[in-house]
N, C-alpha and C. Protein backbone atom coordinates (compact mmCIF):
# COMPACT_ATOMS: atom_id res chain seq x y z
N MET A 1 -34.61 125.21 -149.60
CA MET A 1 -33.56 126.20 -149.69
C MET A 1 -33.91 127.45 -148.87
N GLY A 2 -35.19 127.85 -148.95
CA GLY A 2 -35.64 129.02 -148.19
C GLY A 2 -35.52 128.79 -146.69
N LEU A 3 -35.82 127.56 -146.25
CA LEU A 3 -35.71 127.24 -144.83
C LEU A 3 -34.27 127.36 -144.36
N LEU A 4 -33.34 126.87 -145.16
CA LEU A 4 -31.93 126.97 -144.80
C LEU A 4 -31.47 128.43 -144.77
N THR A 5 -31.96 129.23 -145.68
CA THR A 5 -31.63 130.66 -145.69
C THR A 5 -32.13 131.33 -144.42
N CYS A 6 -33.36 131.01 -144.03
CA CYS A 6 -33.93 131.59 -142.81
C CYS A 6 -33.14 131.16 -141.57
N LEU A 7 -32.79 129.90 -141.51
CA LEU A 7 -32.02 129.41 -140.36
C LEU A 7 -30.63 130.02 -140.34
N GLY A 8 -30.03 130.19 -141.50
CA GLY A 8 -28.72 130.84 -141.57
C GLY A 8 -28.79 132.29 -141.12
N GLY A 9 -29.82 133.01 -141.56
CA GLY A 9 -30.00 134.40 -141.14
C GLY A 9 -30.23 134.51 -139.65
N ALA A 10 -31.05 133.61 -139.11
CA ALA A 10 -31.30 133.61 -137.67
C ALA A 10 -30.02 133.30 -136.90
N GLY A 11 -29.25 132.36 -137.40
CA GLY A 11 -28.00 132.00 -136.73
C GLY A 11 -27.00 133.15 -136.73
N TRP A 12 -26.88 133.82 -137.87
CA TRP A 12 -25.93 134.93 -137.97
C TRP A 12 -26.32 136.08 -137.05
N THR A 13 -27.60 136.47 -137.09
CA THR A 13 -28.02 137.59 -136.25
C THR A 13 -27.95 137.24 -134.77
N ALA A 14 -28.27 135.99 -134.42
CA ALA A 14 -28.14 135.56 -133.03
C ALA A 14 -26.67 135.60 -132.60
N TRP A 15 -25.77 135.22 -133.49
CA TRP A 15 -24.34 135.27 -133.18
C TRP A 15 -23.88 136.70 -132.90
N VAL A 16 -24.35 137.65 -133.70
CA VAL A 16 -23.99 139.06 -133.50
C VAL A 16 -24.48 139.54 -132.14
N VAL A 17 -25.73 139.18 -131.80
CA VAL A 17 -26.30 139.58 -130.50
C VAL A 17 -25.51 138.94 -129.37
N TRP A 18 -25.28 137.63 -129.46
CA TRP A 18 -24.57 136.93 -128.38
C TRP A 18 -23.16 137.49 -128.20
N ARG A 19 -22.46 137.71 -129.31
CA ARG A 19 -21.10 138.25 -129.24
C ARG A 19 -21.11 139.65 -128.63
N GLY A 20 -22.10 140.46 -129.01
CA GLY A 20 -22.20 141.80 -128.45
C GLY A 20 -22.46 141.79 -126.96
N ILE A 21 -23.36 140.92 -126.52
CA ILE A 21 -23.68 140.84 -125.09
C ILE A 21 -22.52 140.25 -124.30
N ALA A 22 -21.91 139.20 -124.84
CA ALA A 22 -20.83 138.51 -124.12
C ALA A 22 -19.57 139.36 -124.00
N THR A 23 -19.22 140.08 -125.07
CA THR A 23 -17.97 140.84 -125.04
C THR A 23 -18.16 142.31 -124.71
N GLY A 24 -19.40 142.80 -124.85
CA GLY A 24 -19.66 144.21 -124.58
C GLY A 24 -19.18 145.13 -125.69
N MET A 25 -18.95 144.55 -126.88
CA MET A 25 -18.55 145.39 -128.01
C MET A 25 -19.05 144.80 -129.31
N VAL A 26 -19.27 145.67 -130.28
CA VAL A 26 -19.61 145.26 -131.64
C VAL A 26 -18.71 146.00 -132.59
N THR A 27 -18.50 145.41 -133.76
CA THR A 27 -17.64 146.03 -134.75
C THR A 27 -18.51 146.62 -135.85
N GLY A 28 -18.24 147.86 -136.18
CA GLY A 28 -18.99 148.54 -137.23
C GLY A 28 -18.24 148.52 -138.54
N LYS A 29 -18.67 149.40 -139.43
CA LYS A 29 -18.02 149.51 -140.73
C LYS A 29 -16.56 149.92 -140.56
N HIS A 30 -15.74 149.43 -141.43
CA HIS A 30 -14.32 149.79 -141.47
C HIS A 30 -13.60 149.46 -140.17
N GLY A 31 -14.11 148.47 -139.43
CA GLY A 31 -13.42 148.00 -138.22
C GLY A 31 -13.61 148.87 -137.00
N ALA A 32 -14.51 149.84 -137.04
CA ALA A 32 -14.75 150.68 -135.86
C ALA A 32 -15.35 149.83 -134.75
N VAL A 33 -14.87 150.02 -133.53
CA VAL A 33 -15.34 149.25 -132.39
C VAL A 33 -16.23 150.14 -131.53
N HIS A 34 -17.40 149.62 -131.18
CA HIS A 34 -18.36 150.36 -130.35
C HIS A 34 -18.56 149.59 -129.06
N LEU A 35 -18.47 150.27 -127.93
CA LEU A 35 -18.47 149.61 -126.63
C LEU A 35 -19.74 149.91 -125.84
N ARG A 36 -20.20 148.88 -125.11
CA ARG A 36 -21.36 149.04 -124.24
C ARG A 36 -21.01 149.95 -123.06
N ILE A 37 -19.82 149.80 -122.54
CA ILE A 37 -19.42 150.54 -121.35
C ILE A 37 -19.42 152.05 -121.58
N GLU A 38 -19.23 152.47 -122.81
CA GLU A 38 -19.23 153.89 -123.14
C GLU A 38 -20.63 154.40 -123.46
N GLY A 39 -21.63 153.52 -123.44
CA GLY A 39 -22.99 153.92 -123.75
C GLY A 39 -23.17 154.29 -125.21
N ASP A 40 -22.38 153.68 -126.06
CA ASP A 40 -22.40 154.00 -127.49
C ASP A 40 -23.74 153.60 -128.11
N PHE A 41 -24.40 154.56 -128.76
CA PHE A 41 -25.69 154.31 -129.40
C PHE A 41 -25.58 153.21 -130.45
N PHE A 42 -24.51 153.19 -131.20
CA PHE A 42 -24.36 152.19 -132.26
C PHE A 42 -24.34 150.78 -131.66
N TYR A 43 -23.74 150.61 -130.49
CA TYR A 43 -23.71 149.30 -129.83
C TYR A 43 -25.14 148.83 -129.55
N TYR A 44 -25.91 149.69 -128.89
CA TYR A 44 -27.27 149.30 -128.51
C TYR A 44 -28.16 149.10 -129.74
N ALA A 45 -28.01 149.96 -130.74
CA ALA A 45 -28.81 149.83 -131.95
C ALA A 45 -28.48 148.52 -132.67
N THR A 46 -27.21 148.18 -132.75
CA THR A 46 -26.80 146.95 -133.44
C THR A 46 -27.36 145.72 -132.73
N VAL A 47 -27.23 145.67 -131.41
CA VAL A 47 -27.71 144.51 -130.66
C VAL A 47 -29.23 144.41 -130.75
N ALA A 48 -29.92 145.53 -130.60
CA ALA A 48 -31.39 145.51 -130.65
C ALA A 48 -31.90 145.13 -132.04
N LEU A 49 -31.36 145.74 -133.08
CA LEU A 49 -31.83 145.43 -134.43
C LEU A 49 -31.51 144.00 -134.85
N ASN A 50 -30.36 143.50 -134.44
CA ASN A 50 -30.04 142.11 -134.76
C ASN A 50 -30.93 141.15 -133.97
N GLY A 51 -31.31 141.53 -132.76
CA GLY A 51 -32.26 140.72 -131.99
C GLY A 51 -33.61 140.65 -132.69
N LEU A 52 -34.10 141.80 -133.18
CA LEU A 52 -35.35 141.81 -133.92
C LEU A 52 -35.24 141.03 -135.23
N ALA A 53 -34.11 141.17 -135.90
CA ALA A 53 -33.90 140.44 -137.16
C ALA A 53 -33.89 138.93 -136.90
N CYS A 54 -33.29 138.52 -135.80
CA CYS A 54 -33.26 137.09 -135.46
C CYS A 54 -34.68 136.57 -135.28
N LEU A 55 -35.52 137.33 -134.57
CA LEU A 55 -36.91 136.91 -134.38
C LEU A 55 -37.65 136.84 -135.72
N LEU A 56 -37.40 137.80 -136.59
CA LEU A 56 -38.01 137.79 -137.91
C LEU A 56 -37.58 136.56 -138.71
N TRP A 57 -36.29 136.26 -138.70
CA TRP A 57 -35.79 135.08 -139.41
C TRP A 57 -36.41 133.80 -138.85
N LEU A 58 -36.53 133.72 -137.52
CA LEU A 58 -37.13 132.53 -136.92
C LEU A 58 -38.60 132.41 -137.30
N GLY A 59 -39.29 133.54 -137.39
CA GLY A 59 -40.68 133.52 -137.83
C GLY A 59 -40.81 133.04 -139.27
N LEU A 60 -39.92 133.50 -140.11
CA LEU A 60 -39.93 133.04 -141.51
C LEU A 60 -39.60 131.55 -141.60
N ALA A 61 -38.69 131.08 -140.76
CA ALA A 61 -38.36 129.65 -140.75
C ALA A 61 -39.57 128.83 -140.29
N ALA A 62 -40.28 129.32 -139.28
CA ALA A 62 -41.48 128.62 -138.81
C ALA A 62 -42.54 128.58 -139.91
N PHE A 63 -42.68 129.67 -140.65
CA PHE A 63 -43.63 129.70 -141.76
C PHE A 63 -43.23 128.70 -142.84
N ALA A 64 -41.94 128.61 -143.13
CA ALA A 64 -41.46 127.66 -144.13
C ALA A 64 -41.75 126.23 -143.70
N VAL A 65 -41.57 125.93 -142.41
CA VAL A 65 -41.87 124.59 -141.90
C VAL A 65 -43.37 124.32 -142.03
N LEU A 66 -44.19 125.31 -141.70
CA LEU A 66 -45.64 125.15 -141.82
C LEU A 66 -46.03 124.86 -143.27
N VAL A 67 -45.44 125.57 -144.21
CA VAL A 67 -45.73 125.34 -145.63
C VAL A 67 -45.31 123.93 -146.02
N LEU A 68 -44.14 123.49 -145.58
CA LEU A 68 -43.68 122.14 -145.92
C LEU A 68 -44.60 121.07 -145.35
N VAL A 69 -45.07 121.28 -144.13
CA VAL A 69 -45.94 120.29 -143.48
C VAL A 69 -47.30 120.24 -144.16
N ARG A 70 -47.83 121.39 -144.55
CA ARG A 70 -49.16 121.48 -145.11
C ARG A 70 -49.19 121.36 -146.64
N TRP A 71 -48.06 121.20 -147.27
CA TRP A 71 -48.01 121.24 -148.73
C TRP A 71 -48.93 120.22 -149.39
N LYS A 72 -48.97 119.00 -148.87
CA LYS A 72 -49.81 117.95 -149.46
C LYS A 72 -51.29 118.32 -149.35
N ASP A 73 -51.69 118.93 -148.24
CA ASP A 73 -53.09 119.31 -148.07
C ASP A 73 -53.51 120.38 -149.06
N TRP A 74 -52.59 121.24 -149.45
CA TRP A 74 -52.92 122.36 -150.32
C TRP A 74 -52.89 122.00 -151.80
N THR A 75 -52.23 120.90 -152.13
CA THR A 75 -52.12 120.54 -153.55
C THR A 75 -53.07 119.42 -153.92
């Protein structure tokens, strides 16, 4: 279950990053739109933080796979 959660988190954050890069805009709270072309800080912060979150989720997923593979050796 934890592995699926990690993969879901990685997928969602990667989607936010990809959508932001592809369209040049991200949506904030209450439907506010932030654009790359305007140099909006919120746009860059959202894309960067979601990129870092995606890497974190992938790291957690890799750790979960390692635990699953090594489980028999540890018990």
